[in-house]
Each structure stands twice: as structure tokens, then as C-alpha cells.
């Protein structure tokens, strides 16, 4: 758990900011954002005292430690108080967040077992040491993640030995890739964040390659391929835990969407 900037830093931010409208997850999941937080927090997010911002985390939406008893703090503010980081404020001037439908298991039994009754982990955001948010697909795939906070720490994926990364890109069929989250040592330790990010980056590369020859079903502005969206256009902001063994990448274009 780390703070981004000295506590003397006083960020400026817009008034009336709302996690259900202005965060990355709101831009990603749209009308399903509240359902995502309900599954994560096991209560309505509207009933909780979400704070914005934190000292040291000028774009953070967070809850104080203890606000939700099933989850542990994953950041500390500039005064070393622990918080649950829920989301970050989107800077839409950079580019749009890729909208994705929230993935959930199809059967009601699996939905109950792997989402509603399961313990989901807090989103993992890829935050740089300088306070910037995200990493390019190219850097993630190549393992160039040393500039990220906590890159050498074990990643919390809920105790799973493997996970599925699921992508619901507009206009394309659902796509997934499974990868291991334990290392090759005798202890089979949980992999570090930098290795996890490399898996995410390589998964994105495989997805983009597979979809580059596909014709999208609508949403032409989100077309993938030559003379359209490619790996150099995308920033990986983080990942969201959507079911016991499944995560979804939070993605943002690094330029305005060409309509």
C-alpha cells in the first residue's frame, strides 16, 4: 500500500463528482456499474460514504478501512491512513474508456456461487510512480512495468491459481484467455504485479490480433485492425474482478474516438 504524492499536495478537482458517473468503471460498465459495486461490496454503494479525493490520491474514489468488513484496504493516503480504492476519476480529454458489458455467469446457480455469494477483490489499478494512470499494451506485453507502484509485490487475485481475462469489446464476440497466477517455484507463490500485467498485455495483443480480421457487428467507431484501433492506441488502466475466476481489463484510448 503506497501513497502517490506528498501530503502537502493540494489537488484541484471538479465539484459534484459521482463515482457512478465519473469513474473509469462507470464509463466502462455504464448502466451495470451499480450492479458491479453491489457484487463487490455486498451492499448498495449509495449507502456508503465514498470519499473523493484522498490526500496523495487526487483522483481516487475510496472508502475508509472498515466501511466494508469483507474487504481489506489496498492503499494508504498521505497520512498513512488505510483506504479501499474503488475507482479513479476519468480524464476524458485523453480519450474515451472502452465500454464493455459487465460479464456475469449465465446460469443463476453460477451467478449466485461465483458472484453474489463470492468474495470479489477490489479493482487493481495500474498507477505510475509519478501519479499517472495506466500502461500501454506494448509496454505491458513487454514487461516494461517498473514505473508502476507496487510492481514487485504479489498481486491479489483472490487465491486463485489461474484466472480468465474477459473482454467484451463493442461489436465483437465475447473473448477470454486463461493464464496462471502462481509462479514456477516449489512454493508456487502468487505472481507479482509486473508478471500479472505482462499476462494482461499479452492477452490484449492476442485479442487484438484475433479480432483484426473480424467484421464488427455494429459500433464501427470501435473497429479493430489496420487503419483502425490497434495496440498503440490503447492504455490498460487496470482490471476489475467480475466473478471468482474472472477479471475484465479497464481500457482507455489515448486519443479521441474517430467517428
Foldseek 3Di string as FASTA:
>chain_A
DEFQDALVDDDDDDPPDDCCCFFLLNLAAPPCSQVQVCLAQVDGPVVADWDADARRQNFFTWHFAPSRPLAGFDYAHNVRGGINTATGGDDCQQEGWFHFHQDADDDPVRRCVWTNVDHFYHWDFFAFSNGDFFDFLVCLQVLVRPRTPQQQPFDCLPPDQKAKEWEGGAQDDIDIDMDGQFDDDPVRHGGGNSVVSNVVSVVLQVVLVVQQPPDGPDPVLRHGHPVHDDRRQKTFGTWGGRTSRYIYTTIGGRHYGDD
